[in-house]
Amino acid sequence: MASKFLTDDRVAPFVLGCQDKSFILDDEIARFPLQPYFVLLFVRVVLASRHAGLWRFNPSSLKGVPRELPQQKTSSTSSQDVVTNWKRFVPILALLISFLSAILFTI
């Protein structure tokens, strides 16, 4: 039973986007998938154009060139800064709670 989401315009560009033409196995460049050039061109031009924005998440381009890993964005505050700020806030919070409880219990 085939899924309605597994269509040729999704599967073929996904398979081509997962190839790596620079992969070396036993001192030979591994050529996968072995397809005629016109089939690869048809997939790139016709089938991949419908969902062109999705293929940027493939590990390689549709030509088989590996992509660099995306760089993780660093935030302006590190986790160590958050812990330090929280440690400063705890005594103030304890003092405020003690004043509030003293006021509530004296009424």
PDB file of N, CA and C in Angstrom:
ATOM      1  N   MET A   1       0.842  -1.178   0.000  1.00  0.00           N
ATOM      2  CA  MET A   1       0.000   0.000   0.000  1.00  0.00           C
ATOM      3  C   MET A   1       0.887   1.241   0.000  1.00  0.00           C
ATOM      4  N   ALA A   2       0.826   1.998  -1.024  1.00  0.00           N
ATOM      5  CA  ALA A   2       1.649   3.194  -1.155  1.00  0.00           C
ATOM      6  C   ALA A   2       0.956   4.379  -0.505  1.00  0.00           C
ATOM      7  N   SER A   3       1.743   5.232   0.095  1.00  0.00           N
ATOM      8  CA  SER A   3       1.200   6.421   0.731  1.00  0.00           C
ATOM      9  C   SER A   3       0.914   7.479  -0.322  1.00  0.00           C
ATOM     10  N   LYS A   4      -0.091   8.294  -0.050  1.00  0.00           N
ATOM     11  CA  LYS A   4      -0.406   9.361  -1.004  1.00  0.00           C
ATOM     12  C   LYS A   4       0.660  10.454  -0.968  1.00  0.00           C
ATOM     13  N   PHE A   5       1.501  10.464   0.061  1.00  0.00           N
ATOM     14  CA  PHE A   5       2.545  11.471   0.167  1.00  0.00           C
ATOM     15  C   PHE A   5       3.836  11.057  -0.545  1.00  0.00           C
ATOM     16  N   LEU A   6       3.982   9.773  -0.848  1.00  0.00           N
ATOM     17  CA  LEU A   6       5.190   9.293  -1.512  1.00  0.00           C
ATOM     18  C   LEU A   6       4.989   9.342  -3.027  1.00  0.00           C
ATOM     19  N   THR A   7       5.075  10.512  -3.567  1.00  0.00           N
ATOM     20  CA  THR A   7       4.929  10.694  -5.008  1.00  0.00           C
ATOM     21  C   THR A   7       6.303  10.889  -5.623  1.00  0.00           C
ATOM     22  N   ASP A   8       6.368  10.779  -6.953  1.00  0.00           N
ATOM     23  CA  ASP A   8       7.652  10.894  -7.639  1.00  0.00           C
ATOM     24  C   ASP A   8       8.300  12.259  -7.445  1.00  0.00           C
ATOM     25  N   ASP A   9       7.486  13.300  -7.337  1.00  0.00           N
ATOM     26  CA  ASP A   9       8.086  14.620  -7.182  1.00  0.00           C
ATOM     27  C   ASP A   9       8.613  14.853  -5.774  1.00  0.00           C
ATOM     28  N   ARG A  10       8.412  13.913  -4.867  1.00  0.00           N
ATOM     29  CA  ARG A  10       8.992  13.993  -3.527  1.00  0.00           C
ATOM     30  C   ARG A  10      10.086  12.963  -3.301  1.00  0.00           C
ATOM     31  N   VAL A  11       9.880  11.763  -3.804  1.00  0.00           N
ATOM     32  CA  VAL A  11      10.827  10.685  -3.541  1.00  0.00           C
ATOM     33  C   VAL A  11      12.105  10.839  -4.360  1.00  0.00           C
ATOM     34  N   ALA A  12      11.974  11.108  -5.634  1.00  0.00           N
ATOM     35  CA  ALA A  12      13.155  11.179  -6.503  1.00  0.00           C
ATOM     36  C   ALA A  12      14.116  12.301  -6.085  1.00  0.00           C
ATOM     37  N   PRO A  13      13.662  13.537  -5.803  1.00  0.00           N
ATOM     38  CA  PRO A  13      14.613  14.552  -5.334  1.00  0.00           C
ATOM     39  C   PRO A  13      15.200  14.228  -3.963  1.00  0.00           C
ATOM     40  N   PHE A  14      14.429  13.538  -3.137  1.00  0.00           N
ATOM     41  CA  PHE A  14      14.967  13.152  -1.836  1.00  0.00           C
ATOM     42  C   PHE A  14      16.107  12.159  -1.996  1.00  0.00           C
ATOM     43  N   VAL A  15      15.934  11.178  -2.867  1.00  0.00           N
ATOM     44  CA  VAL A  15      16.982  10.177  -3.098  1.00  0.00           C
ATOM     45  C   VAL A  15      18.221  10.839  -3.698  1.00  0.00           C
ATOM     46  N   LEU A  16      18.027  11.730  -4.658  1.00  0.00           N
ATOM     47  CA  LEU A  16      19.179  12.412  -5.256  1.00  0.00           C
ATOM     48  C   LEU A  16      19.852  13.361  -4.260  1.00  0.00           C
ATOM     49  N   GLY A  17      19.082  13.914  -3.335  1.00  0.00           N
ATOM     50  CA  GLY A  17      19.654  14.805  -2.331  1.00  0.00           C
ATOM     51  C   GLY A  17      20.406  14.079  -1.240  1.00  0.00           C
ATOM     52  N   CYS A  18      20.265  12.764  -1.176  1.00  0.00           N
ATOM     53  CA  CYS A  18      20.983  11.972  -0.175  1.00  0.00           C
ATOM     54  C   CYS A  18      22.217  11.284  -0.755  1.00  0.00           C
ATOM     55  N   GLN A  19      22.515  11.527  -2.016  1.00  0.00           N
ATOM     56  CA  GLN A  19      23.708  10.922  -2.609  1.00  0.00           C
ATOM     57  C   GLN A  19      24.934  11.765  -2.276  1.00  0.00           C
ATOM     58  N   ASP A  20      26.074  11.150  -2.322  1.00  0.00           N
ATOM     59  CA  ASP A  20      27.341  11.833  -2.082  1.00  0.00           C
ATOM     60  C   ASP A  20      28.328  11.364  -3.133  1.00  0.00           C
ATOM     61  N   LYS A  21      28.543  12.190  -4.144  1.00  0.00           N
ATOM     62  CA  LYS A  21      29.425  11.770  -5.234  1.00  0.00           C
ATOM     63  C   LYS A  21      30.896  11.921  -4.901  1.00  0.00           C
ATOM     64  N   SER A  22      31.212  12.418  -3.719  1.00  0.00           N
ATOM     65  CA  SER A  22      32.615  12.502  -3.321  1.00  0.00           C
ATOM     66  C   SER A  22      32.990  11.370  -2.356  1.00  0.00           C
ATOM     67  N   PHE A  23      32.093  10.437  -2.117  1.00  0.00           N
ATOM     68  CA  PHE A  23      32.330   9.321  -1.207  1.00  0.00           C
ATOM     69  C   PHE A  23      33.283   8.329  -1.849  1.00  0.00           C
ATOM     70  N   ILE A  24      34.331   7.959  -1.129  1.00  0.00           N
ATOM     71  CA  ILE A  24      35.334   7.033  -1.644  1.00  0.00           C
ATOM     72  C   ILE A  24      35.230   5.722  -0.882  1.00  0.00           C
ATOM     73  N   LEU A  25      35.070   4.639  -1.630  1.00  0.00           N
ATOM     74  CA  LEU A  25      34.950   3.307  -1.056  1.00  0.00           C
ATOM     75  C   LEU A  25      35.929   2.390  -1.781  1.00  0.00           C
ATOM     76  N   ASP A  26      36.846   1.788  -1.055  1.00  0.00           N
ATOM     77  CA  ASP A  26      37.885   0.920  -1.627  1.00  0.00           C
ATOM     78  C   ASP A  26      38.686   1.651  -2.702  1.00  0.00           C
ATOM     79  N   ASP A  27      39.084   2.859  -2.403  1.00  0.00           N
ATOM     80  CA  ASP A  27      39.903   3.702  -3.285  1.00  0.00           C
ATOM     81  C   ASP A  27      39.230   4.023  -4.610  1.00  0.00           C
ATOM     82  N   GLU A  28      37.922   3.931  -4.673  1.00  0.00           N
ATOM     83  CA  GLU A  28      37.162   4.317  -5.860  1.00  0.00           C
ATOM     84  C   GLU A  28      36.015   5.215  -5.441  1.00  0.00           C
ATOM     85  N   ILE A  29      35.682   6.170  -6.291  1.00  0.00           N
ATOM     86  CA  ILE A  29      34.549   7.039  -6.005  1.00  0.00           C
ATOM     87  C   ILE A  29      33.271   6.242  -6.211  1.00  0.00           C
ATOM     88  N   ALA A  30      32.441   6.195  -5.178  1.00  0.00           N
ATOM     89  CA  ALA A  30      31.184   5.437  -5.242  1.00  0.00           C
ATOM     90  C   ALA A  30      30.142   6.259  -5.992  1.00  0.00           C
ATOM     91  N   ARG A  31      29.676   5.759  -7.095  1.00  0.00           N
ATOM     92  CA  ARG A  31      28.672   6.444  -7.909  1.00  0.00           C
ATOM     93  C   ARG A  31      27.306   5.832  -7.635  1.00  0.00           C
ATOM     94  N   PHE A  32      26.505   6.542  -6.864  1.00  0.00           N
ATOM     95  CA  PHE A  32      25.157   6.063  -6.579  1.00  0.00           C
ATOM     96  C   PHE A  32      24.211   7.234  -6.659  1.00  0.00           C
ATOM     97  N   PRO A  33      23.073   7.119  -7.209  1.00  0.00           N
ATOM     98  CA  PRO A  33      22.550   6.020  -8.003  1.00  0.00           C
ATOM     99  C   PRO A  33      23.071   6.087  -9.430  1.00  0.00           C
ATOM    100  N   LEU A  34      23.224   4.937 -10.026  1.00  0.00           N
ATOM    101  CA  LEU A  34      23.680   4.886 -11.414  1.00  0.00           C
ATOM    102  C   LEU A  34      22.483   5.166 -12.317  1.00  0.00           C
ATOM    103  N   GLN A  35      22.390   6.369 -12.795  1.00  0.00           N
ATOM    104  CA  GLN A  35      21.286   6.804 -13.642  1.00  0.00           C
ATOM    105  C   GLN A  35      21.844   7.517 -14.861  1.00  0.00           C
ATOM    106  N   PRO A  36      21.154   7.439 -15.966  1.00  0.00           N
ATOM    107  CA  PRO A  36      21.570   8.235 -17.126  1.00  0.00           C
ATOM    108  C   PRO A  36      21.434   9.718 -16.818  1.00  0.00           C
ATOM    109  N   TYR A  37      22.218  10.514 -17.499  1.00  0.00           N
ATOM    110  CA  TYR A  37      22.244  11.947 -17.234  1.00  0.00           C
ATOM    111  C   TYR A  37      20.878  12.599 -17.447  1.00  0.00           C
ATOM    112  N   PHE A  38      20.123  12.163 -18.475  1.00  0.00           N
ATOM    113  CA  PHE A  38      18.846  12.813 -18.744  1.00  0.00           C
ATOM    114  C   PHE A  38      17.832  12.536 -17.632  1.00  0.00           C
ATOM    115  N   VAL A  39      17.937  11.408 -16.951  1.00  0.00           N
ATOM    116  CA  VAL A  39      17.049  11.127 -15.822  1.00  0.00           C
ATOM    117  C   VAL A  39      17.372  12.062 -14.661  1.00  0.00           C
ATOM    118  N   LEU A  40      18.643  12.226 -14.376  1.00  0.00           N
ATOM    119  CA  LEU A  40      19.050  13.142 -13.309  1.00  0.00           C
ATOM    120  C   LEU A  40      18.631  14.577 -13.626  1.00  0.00           C
ATOM    121  N   LEU A  41      18.776  14.973 -14.871  1.00  0.00           N
ATOM    122  CA  LEU A  41      18.374  16.307 -15.291  1.00  0.00           C
ATOM    123  C   LEU A  41      16.861  16.478 -15.178  1.00  0.00           C
ATOM    124  N   PHE A  42      16.093  15.468 -15.562  1.00  0.00           N
ATOM    125  CA  PHE A  42      14.638  15.526 -15.464  1.00  0.00           C
ATOM    126  C   PHE A  42      14.194  15.681 -14.011  1.00  0.00           C
ATOM    127  N   VAL A  43      14.820  14.942 -13.121  1.00  0.00           N
ATOM    128  CA  VAL A  43      14.458  15.033 -11.703  1.00  0.00           C
ATOM    129  C   VAL A  43      14.790  16.413 -11.166  1.00  0.00           C
ATOM    130  N   ARG A  44      15.983  16.938 -11.503  1.00  0.00           N
ATOM    131  CA  ARG A  44      16.386  18.249 -11.009  1.00  0.00           C
ATOM    132  C   ARG A  44      15.504  19.371 -11.532  1.00  0.00           C
ATOM    133  N   VAL A  45      15.186  19.334 -12.820  1.00  0.00           N
ATOM    134  CA  VAL A  45      14.468  20.445 -13.430  1.00  0.00           C
ATOM    135  C   VAL A  45      12.964  20.338 -13.226  1.00  0.00           C
ATOM    136  N   VAL A  46      12.386  19.162 -13.419  1.00  0.00           N
ATOM    137  CA  VAL A  46      10.937  19.028 -13.418  1.00  0.00           C
ATOM    138  C   VAL A  46      10.395  18.628 -12.043  1.00  0.00           C
ATOM    139  N   LEU A  47      10.884  17.537 -11.492  1.00  0.00           N
ATOM    140  CA  LEU A  47      10.295  17.014 -10.265  1.00  0.00           C
ATOM    141  C   LEU A  47      10.670  17.814  -9.017  1.00  0.00           C
ATOM    142  N   ALA A  48      11.885  18.272  -8.933  1.00  0.00           N
ATOM    143  CA  ALA A  48      12.331  18.980  -7.734  1.00  0.00           C
ATOM    144  C   ALA A  48      11.817  20.404  -7.660  1.00  0.00           C
ATOM    145  N   SER A  49      11.343  20.954  -8.758  1.00  0.00           N
ATOM    146  CA  SER A  49      10.922  22.361  -8.740  1.00  0.00           C
ATOM    147  C   SER A  49       9.635  22.575  -7.956  1.00  0.00           C
ATOM    148  N   ARG A  50       8.804  21.560  -7.841  1.00  0.00           N
ATOM    149  CA  ARG A  50       7.529  21.726  -7.147  1.00  0.00           C
ATOM    150  C   ARG A  50       7.715  21.996  -5.646  1.00  0.00           C
ATOM    151  N   HIS A  51       8.635  21.303  -5.032  1.00  0.00           N
ATOM    152  CA  HIS A  51       8.902  21.481  -3.604  1.00  0.00           C
ATOM    153  C   HIS A  51      10.347  21.949  -3.412  1.00  0.00           C
ATOM    154  N   ALA A  52      10.736  22.971  -4.132  1.00  0.00           N
ATOM    155  CA  ALA A  52      12.138  23.397  -4.157  1.00  0.00           C
ATOM    156  C   ALA A  52      12.657  23.816  -2.781  1.00  0.00           C
ATOM    157  N   GLY A  53      11.831  24.377  -1.948  1.00  0.00           N
ATOM    158  CA  GLY A  53      12.285  24.813  -0.631  1.00  0.00           C
ATOM    159  C   GLY A  53      12.614  23.683   0.318  1.00  0.00           C
ATOM    160  N   LEU A  54      12.071  22.517   0.074  1.00  0.00           N
ATOM    161  CA  LEU A  54      12.315  21.387   0.973  1.00  0.00           C
ATOM    162  C   LEU A  54      13.696  20.772   0.805  1.00  0.00           C
ATOM    163  N   TRP A  55      14.244  20.852  -0.365  1.00  0.00           N
ATOM    164  CA  TRP A  55      15.483  20.111  -0.648  1.00  0.00           C
ATOM    165  C   TRP A  55      16.699  20.761  -0.024  1.00  0.00           C
ATOM    166  N   ARG A  56      16.545  21.937   0.581  1.00  0.00           N
ATOM    167  CA  ARG A  56      17.688  22.547   1.266  1.00  0.00           C
ATOM    168  C   ARG A  56      18.043  21.782   2.538  1.00  0.00           C
ATOM    169  N   PHE A  57      17.138  20.898   2.995  1.00  0.00           N
ATOM    170  CA  PHE A  57      17.408  20.101   4.186  1.00  0.00           C
ATOM    171  C   PHE A  57      18.104  18.779   3.860  1.00  0.00           C
ATOM    172  N   ASN A  58      18.294  18.474   2.599  1.00  0.00           N
ATOM    173  CA  ASN A  58      19.009  17.259   2.214  1.00  0.00           C
ATOM    174  C   ASN A  58      20.481  17.384   2.590  1.00  0.00           C
ATOM    175  N   PRO A  59      21.154  16.270   2.863  1.00  0.00           N
ATOM    176  CA  PRO A  59      22.567  16.341   3.216  1.00  0.00           C
ATOM    177  C   PRO A  59      23.471  16.725   2.045  1.00  0.00           C
ATOM    178  N   SER A  60      22.989  16.549   0.823  1.00  0.00           N
ATOM    179  CA  SER A  60      23.757  16.927  -0.364  1.00  0.00           C
ATOM    180  C   SER A  60      22.848  17.698  -1.309  1.00  0.00           C
ATOM    181  N   SER A  61      23.450  18.369  -2.269  1.00  0.00           N
ATOM    182  CA  SER A  61      22.642  19.022  -3.288  1.00  0.00           C
ATOM    183  C   SER A  61      22.122  17.959  -4.252  1.00  0.00           C
ATOM    184  N   LEU A  62      21.254  18.342  -5.164  1.00  0.00           N
ATOM    185  CA  LEU A  62      20.715  17.371  -6.116  1.00  0.00           C
ATOM    186  C   LEU A  62      21.786  16.914  -7.116  1.00  0.00           C
ATOM    187  N   LYS A  63      22.902  17.606  -7.146  1.00  0.00           N
ATOM    188  CA  LYS A  63      24.027  17.197  -8.003  1.00  0.00           C
ATOM    189  C   LYS A  63      24.993  16.264  -7.284  1.00  0.00           C
ATOM    190  N   GLY A  64      24.773  16.028  -5.990  1.00  0.00           N
ATOM    191  CA  GLY A  64      25.620  15.106  -5.233  1.00  0.00           C
ATOM    192  C   GLY A  64      26.759  15.775  -4.496  1.00  0.00           C
ATOM    193  N   VAL A  65      26.755  17.095  -4.396  1.00  0.00           N
ATOM    194  CA  VAL A  65      27.806  17.815  -3.681  1.00  0.00           C
ATOM    195  C   VAL A  65      27.385  17.937  -2.214  1.00  0.00           C
ATOM    196  N   PRO A  66      28.177  17.408  -1.279  1.00  0.00           N
ATOM    197  CA  PRO A  66      27.797  17.480   0.136  1.00  0.00           C
ATOM    198  C   PRO A  66      27.710  18.922   0.619  1.00  0.00           C
ATOM    199  N   ARG A  67      26.730  19.179   1.471  1.00  0.00           N
ATOM    200  CA  ARG A  67      26.554  20.513   2.050  1.00  0.00           C
ATOM    201  C   ARG A  67      27.255  20.572   3.389  1.00  0.00           C
ATOM    202  N   GLU A  68      27.622  21.786   3.788  1.00  0.00           N
ATOM    203  CA  GLU A  68      28.208  21.969   5.108  1.00  0.00           C
ATOM    204  C   GLU A  68      27.096  21.912   6.146  1.00  0.00           C
ATOM    205  N   LEU A  69      27.451  21.485   7.329  1.00  0.00           N
ATOM    206  CA  LEU A  69      26.477  21.446   8.405  1.00  0.00           C
ATOM    207  C   LEU A  69      26.111  22.871   8.806  1.00  0.00           C
ATOM    208  N   PRO A  70      24.850  23.111   9.137  1.00  0.00           N
ATOM    209  CA  PRO A  70      24.476  24.458   9.562  1.00  0.00           C
ATOM    210  C   PRO A  70      25.119  24.779  10.902  1.00  0.00           C
ATOM    211  N   GLN A  71      25.533  26.016  11.046  1.00  0.00           N
ATOM    212  CA  GLN A  71      26.161  26.445  12.290  1.00  0.00           C
ATOM    213  C   GLN A  71      25.096  26.754  13.323  1.00  0.00           C
ATOM    214  N   GLN A  72      25.353  26.343  14.542  1.00  0.00           N
ATOM    215  CA  GLN A  72      24.404  26.611  15.608  1.00  0.00           C
ATOM    216  C   GLN A  72      24.540  28.060  16.032  1.00  0.00           C
ATOM    217  N   LYS A  73      23.408  28.745  16.134  1.00  0.00           N
ATOM    218  CA  LYS A  73      23.431  30.141  16.553  1.00  0.00           C
ATOM    219  C   LYS A  73      23.697  30.200  18.043  1.00  0.00           C
ATOM    220  N   THR A  74      24.600  31.075  18.433  1.00  0.00           N
ATOM    221  CA  THR A  74      24.898  31.233  19.844  1.00  0.00           C
ATOM    222  C   THR A  74      24.042  32.355  20.405  1.00  0.00           C
ATOM    223  N   SER A  75      23.514  32.133  21.565  1.00  0.00           N
ATOM    224  CA  SER A  75      22.691  33.160  22.187  1.00  0.00           C
ATOM    225  C   SER A  75      23.585  34.155  22.912  1.00  0.00           C
ATOM    226  N   SER A  76      23.029  35.302  23.232  1.00  0.00           N
ATOM    227  CA  SER A  76      23.816  36.338  23.891  1.00  0.00           C
ATOM    228  C   SER A  76      24.090  35.982  25.350  1.00  0.00           C
ATOM    229  N   THR A  77      23.217  35.189  25.983  1.00  0.00           N
ATOM    230  CA  THR A  77      23.440  34.774  27.360  1.00  0.00           C
ATOM    231  C   THR A  77      23.675  33.268  27.382  1.00  0.00           C
ATOM    232  N   SER A  78      24.711  32.887  28.045  1.00  0.00           N
ATOM    233  CA  SER A  78      25.006  31.461  28.152  1.00  0.00           C
ATOM    234  C   SER A  78      24.271  30.882  29.354  1.00  0.00           C
ATOM    235  N   SER A  79      24.263  29.581  29.468  1.00  0.00           N
ATOM    236  CA  SER A  79      23.582  28.929  30.587  1.00  0.00           C
ATOM    237  C   SER A  79      24.267  29.255  31.904  1.00  0.00           C
ATOM    238  N   GLN A  80      25.566  29.484  31.871  1.00  0.00           N
ATOM    239  CA  GLN A  80      26.291  29.834  33.092  1.00  0.00           C
ATOM    240  C   GLN A  80      25.835  31.195  33.599  1.00  0.00           C
ATOM    241  N   ASP A  81      25.576  32.143  32.685  1.00  0.00           N
ATOM    242  CA  ASP A  81      25.078  33.457  33.088  1.00  0.00           C
ATOM    243  C   ASP A  81      23.700  33.349  33.719  1.00  0.00           C
ATOM    244  N   VAL A  82      22.858  32.481  33.178  1.00  0.00           N
ATOM    245  CA  VAL A  82      21.510  32.304  33.726  1.00  0.00           C
ATOM    246  C   VAL A  82      21.588  31.749  35.142  1.00  0.00           C
ATOM    247  N   VAL A  83      22.459  30.780  35.376  1.00  0.00           N
ATOM    248  CA  VAL A  83      22.613  30.198  36.715  1.00  0.00           C
ATOM    249  C   VAL A  83      23.139  31.242  37.682  1.00  0.00           C
ATOM    250  N   THR A  84      24.103  32.043  37.256  1.00  0.00           N
ATOM    251  CA  THR A  84      24.657  33.082  38.113  1.00  0.00           C
ATOM    252  C   THR A  84      23.593  34.114  38.466  1.00  0.00           C
ATOM    253  N   ASN A  85      22.802  34.527  37.478  1.00  0.00           N
ATOM    254  CA  ASN A  85      21.740  35.490  37.743  1.00  0.00           C
ATOM    255  C   ASN A  85      20.690  34.911  38.682  1.00  0.00           C
ATOM    256  N   TRP A  86      20.375  33.645  38.527  1.00  0.00           N
ATOM    257  CA  TRP A  86      19.379  33.006  39.392  1.00  0.00           C
ATOM    258  C   TRP A  86      19.893  32.926  40.829  1.00  0.00           C
ATOM    259  N   LYS A  87      21.179  32.662  41.015  1.00  0.00           N
ATOM    260  CA  LYS A  87      21.746  32.590  42.360  1.00  0.00           C
ATOM    261  C   LYS A  87      21.687  33.954  43.048  1.00  0.00           C
ATOM    262  N   ARG A  88      21.786  35.022  42.285  1.00  0.00           N
ATOM    263  CA  ARG A  88      21.658  36.360  42.863  1.00  0.00           C
ATOM    264  C   ARG A  88      20.214  36.660  43.237  1.00  0.00           C
ATOM    265  N   PHE A  89      19.280  36.093  42.524  1.00  0.00           N
ATOM    266  CA  PHE A  89      17.873  36.398  42.720  1.00  0.00           C
ATOM    267  C   PHE A  89      17.267  35.640  43.898  1.00  0.00           C
ATOM    268  N   VAL A  90      17.788  34.471  44.247  1.00  0.00           N
ATOM    269  CA  VAL A  90      17.213  33.624  45.293  1.00  0.00           C
ATOM    270  C   VAL A  90      17.211  34.300  46.661  1.00  0.00           C
ATOM    271  N   PRO A  91      18.293  34.917  47.130  1.00  0.00           N
ATOM    272  CA  PRO A  91      18.229  35.572  48.442  1.00  0.00           C
ATOM    273  C   PRO A  91      17.227  36.728  48.475  1.00  0.00           C
ATOM    274  N   ILE A  92      17.137  37.463  47.396  1.00  0.00           N
ATOM    275  CA  ILE A  92      16.169  38.563  47.346  1.00  0.00           C
ATOM    276  C   ILE A  92      14.751  38.008  47.399  1.00  0.00           C
ATOM    277  N   LEU A  93      14.497  36.914  46.686  1.00  0.00           N
ATOM    278  CA  LEU A  93      13.187  36.282  46.696  1.00  0.00           C
ATOM    279  C   LEU A  93      12.849  35.756  48.091  1.00  0.00           C
ATOM    280  N   ALA A  94      13.804  35.160  48.776  1.00  0.00           N
ATOM    281  CA  ALA A  94      13.581  34.653  50.139  1.00  0.00           C
ATOM    282  C   ALA A  94      13.272  35.804  51.090  1.00  0.00           C
ATOM    283  N   LEU A  95      13.957  36.921  50.945  1.00  0.00           N
ATOM    284  CA  LEU A  95      13.698  38.088  51.787  1.00  0.00           C
ATOM    285  C   LEU A  95      12.293  38.641  51.547  1.00  0.00           C
ATOM    286  N   LEU A  96      11.884  38.725  50.290  1.00  0.00           N
ATOM    287  CA  LEU A  96      10.544  39.218  49.973  1.00  0.00           C
ATOM    288  C   LEU A  96       9.461  38.287  50.508  1.00  0.00           C
ATOM    289  N   ILE A  97       9.672  36.989  50.415  1.00  0.00           N
ATOM    290  CA  ILE A  97       8.692  36.029  50.928  1.00  0.00           C
ATOM    291  C   ILE A  97       8.595  36.124  52.455  1.00  0.00           C
ATOM    292  N   SER A  98       9.714  36.298  53.125  1.00  0.00           N
ATOM    293  CA  SER A  98       9.675  36.417  54.590  1.00  0.00           C
ATOM    294  C   SER A  98       8.964  37.696  55.013  1.00  0.00           C
ATOM    295  N   PHE A  99       9.185  38.815  54.322  1.00  0.00           N
ATOM    296  CA  PHE A  99       8.465  40.057  54.638  1.00  0.00           C
ATOM    297  C   PHE A  99       6.977  39.910  54.376  1.00  0.00           C
ATOM    298  N   LEU A 100       6.623  39.263  53.270  1.00  0.00           N
ATOM    299  CA  LEU A 100       5.214  39.076  52.937  1.00  0.00           C
ATOM    300  C   LEU A 100       4.531  38.169  53.955  1.00  0.00           C
ATOM    301  N   SER A 101       5.193  37.109  54.364  1.00  0.00           N
ATOM    302  CA  SER A 101       4.601  36.209  55.360  1.00  0.00           C
ATOM    303  C   SER A 101       4.482  36.896  56.712  1.00  0.00           C
ATOM    304  N   ALA A 102       5.458  37.746  57.076  1.00  0.00           N
ATOM    305  CA  ALA A 102       5.384  38.473  58.348  1.00  0.00           C
ATOM    306  C   ALA A 102       4.198  39.431  58.338  1.00  0.00           C
ATOM    307  N   ILE A 103       3.987  40.090  57.227  1.00  0.00           N
ATOM    308  CA  ILE A 103       2.865  41.032  57.130  1.00  0.00           C
ATOM    309  C   ILE A 103       1.540  40.280  57.178  1.00  0.00           C
ATOM    310  N   LEU A 104       1.434  39.158  56.477  1.00  0.00           N
ATOM    311  CA  LEU A 104       0.177  38.406  56.443  1.00  0.00           C
ATOM    312  C   LEU A 104      -0.154  37.780  57.795  1.00  0.00           C
ATOM    313  N   PHE A 105       0.832  37.306  58.556  1.00  0.00           N
ATOM    314  CA  PHE A 105       0.556  36.644  59.825  1.00  0.00           C
ATOM    315  C   PHE A 105       0.309  37.622  60.954  1.00  0.00           C
ATOM    316  N   THR A 106       0.688  38.897  60.770  1.00  0.00           N
ATOM    317  CA  THR A 106       0.431  39.895  61.831  1.00  0.00           C
ATOM    318  C   THR A 106      -0.946  40.503  61.696  1.00  0.00           C
ATOM    319  N   ILE A 107      -1.606  40.296  60.593  1.00  0.00           N
ATOM    320  CA  ILE A 107      -2.941  40.878  60.399  1.00  0.00           C
ATOM    321  C   ILE A 107      -3.980  40.039  61.071  1.00  0.00           C
TER     322      ILE A 107
END
